[in-house]
Amino acid sequence: MHLAYSATPAPPRDRLLRIPDVERVAGIKKSTVYQLMREGKFPPCVRITRRLSAWPESAVLNWVQQRIRESDAPTSAIQTNGQQRPNACRHDAGPPGNAPPTMQKHANKGAAS
C-alpha cells in the first residue's frame, strides 16, 4: 500500500461568491461593490469566464471584519463629548427630531397622541 504525501501544505479552503451572495455578506448593493472596487476599497473579483466573476469568500469576510474593527475603534464612539462622529449611522445620529424623515415616522409612532 502506498500513501501519497506532500511536503507542501494544502492551500486553505475558500469558495467563490457570486454577486447576490457578496451583497448579502457585505450588506451593500452591486453598484456599491463595483464603485468601491474601482476606488480600491473592496476586494477585486476573480474572472471565471468572460461573463462570469466571483469574489473569494475570505476576501469579502475580511473586508466586513475590517469595517467592524474600524467602527469599534475607541475614537469612533457615536457621541464623544457631545459631538457626533462623522461616520455615524444616520439612524444613530441623535434624538428622534434629528432623524431623517423616514426614521421620524417610526420615532413618532410611540409618542402619545
Protein backbone atom coordinates (compact mmCIF):
# COMPACT_ATOMS: atom_id res chain seq x y z
CA MET A 1 0.00 0.00 0.00
CA HIS A 2 1.33 3.42 -0.95
CA LEU A 3 0.16 6.60 0.76
CA ALA A 4 0.53 9.86 -1.07
CA TYR A 5 2.20 12.55 0.98
CA SER A 6 3.20 16.04 0.01
CA ALA A 7 5.65 18.21 1.88
CA THR A 8 3.72 21.29 0.80
CA PRO A 9 0.69 22.11 2.93
CA ALA A 10 -2.72 22.07 1.33
CA PRO A 11 -3.97 25.54 0.38
CA PRO A 12 -6.60 26.99 2.70
CA ARG A 13 -10.09 26.09 1.61
CA ASP A 14 -12.02 29.00 0.15
CA ARG A 15 -15.06 29.34 -2.04
CA LEU A 16 -16.17 31.86 -4.62
CA LEU A 17 -19.22 34.06 -4.06
CA ARG A 18 -21.38 35.41 -6.86
CA ILE A 19 -22.70 38.98 -6.62
CA PRO A 20 -26.00 38.14 -4.81
CA ASP A 21 -24.00 36.41 -2.07
CA VAL A 22 -21.48 39.27 -1.94
CA GLU A 23 -24.35 41.73 -1.50
CA ARG A 24 -25.81 39.62 1.31
CA VAL A 25 -22.49 39.07 3.13
CA ALA A 26 -21.18 42.63 2.74
CA GLY A 27 -24.54 44.35 3.23
CA ILE A 28 -24.10 46.56 0.17
CA LYS A 29 -25.62 46.59 -3.30
CA LYS A 30 -23.97 45.58 -6.57
CA SER A 31 -23.39 49.17 -7.73
CA THR A 32 -21.60 49.96 -4.46
CA VAL A 33 -19.46 46.82 -4.75
CA TYR A 34 -18.24 47.88 -8.20
CA GLN A 35 -17.78 51.53 -7.17
CA LEU A 36 -15.70 50.52 -4.14
CA MET A 37 -13.69 48.14 -6.34
CA ARG A 38 -12.89 50.99 -8.74
CA GLU A 39 -11.76 53.09 -5.77
CA GLY A 40 -9.60 50.23 -4.47
CA LYS A 41 -11.72 49.94 -1.29
CA PHE A 42 -13.23 46.50 -1.92
CA PRO A 43 -11.56 43.21 -2.83
CA PRO A 44 -11.23 42.62 -6.57
CA CYS A 45 -13.24 39.91 -8.26
CA VAL A 46 -11.86 36.77 -9.85
CA ARG A 47 -12.70 36.37 -13.53
CA ILE A 48 -14.07 32.86 -14.06
CA THR A 49 -15.13 33.27 -17.69
CA ARG A 50 -15.58 36.22 -20.00
CA ARG A 51 -19.00 36.93 -18.46
CA LEU A 52 -18.67 35.42 -15.00
CA SER A 53 -16.98 36.97 -11.98
CA ALA A 54 -16.89 35.93 -8.35
CA TRP A 55 -15.21 37.01 -5.13
CA PRO A 56 -13.19 34.87 -2.73
CA GLU A 57 -15.35 34.45 0.36
CA SER A 58 -12.34 35.01 2.63
CA ALA A 59 -11.61 38.38 1.00
CA VAL A 60 -15.22 39.57 1.42
CA LEU A 61 -15.37 38.35 5.03
CA ASN A 62 -12.04 40.08 5.78
CA TRP A 63 -13.42 43.32 4.30
CA VAL A 64 -16.53 43.06 6.52
CA GLN A 65 -14.40 42.36 9.61
CA GLN A 66 -12.19 45.36 8.81
CA ARG A 67 -15.28 47.63 8.64
CA ILE A 68 -16.38 46.27 12.03
CA ARG A 69 -12.93 46.83 13.56
CA GLU A 70 -12.93 50.40 12.24
CA SER A 71 -16.34 51.09 13.76
CA ASP A 72 -15.29 49.53 17.09
CA ALA A 73 -12.19 51.71 17.41
CA PRO A 74 -12.19 53.84 20.62
CA THR A 75 -12.19 57.08 18.62
CA SER A 76 -15.30 56.10 16.70
CA ALA A 77 -17.82 56.36 19.54
CA ILE A 78 -21.08 57.77 18.26
CA GLN A 79 -21.07 60.55 20.86
CA THR A 80 -17.77 61.90 22.13
CA ASN A 81 -18.11 64.89 24.47
CA GLY A 82 -21.43 65.74 22.86
CA GLN A 83 -20.03 65.72 19.31
CA GLN A 84 -21.20 63.29 16.69
CA ARG A 85 -18.58 61.27 14.84
CA PRO A 86 -18.53 62.00 11.12
CA ASN A 87 -19.24 58.41 10.07
CA ALA A 88 -22.12 57.77 12.49
CA CYS A 89 -25.04 55.83 11.09
CA ARG A 90 -27.84 58.24 10.25
CA HIS A 91 -30.39 56.42 12.42
CA ASP A 92 -27.97 56.60 15.38
CA ALA A 93 -27.30 60.31 14.93
CA GLY A 94 -29.18 61.54 17.98
CA PRO A 95 -32.67 62.24 19.30
CA PRO A 96 -35.69 61.44 17.09
CA GLY A 97 -36.06 65.06 16.00
CA ASN A 98 -32.68 64.82 14.24
CA ALA A 99 -33.54 61.60 12.41
CA PRO A 100 -34.13 61.61 8.66
CA PRO A 101 -37.82 61.90 7.66
CA THR A 102 -38.24 58.13 7.13
CA MET A 103 -36.94 57.46 10.64
CA GLN A 104 -39.01 60.28 12.20
CA LYS A 105 -42.17 58.48 11.15
CA HIS A 106 -41.08 55.45 13.19
CA ALA A 107 -39.80 57.55 16.09
CA ASN A 108 -43.13 59.38 16.37
CA LYS A 109 -45.15 56.15 16.31
CA GLY A 110 -44.61 55.56 20.02
CA ALA A 111 -45.49 59.12 21.01
CA ALA A 112 -48.80 59.66 22.79
CA SER A 113 -51.42 61.45 20.71
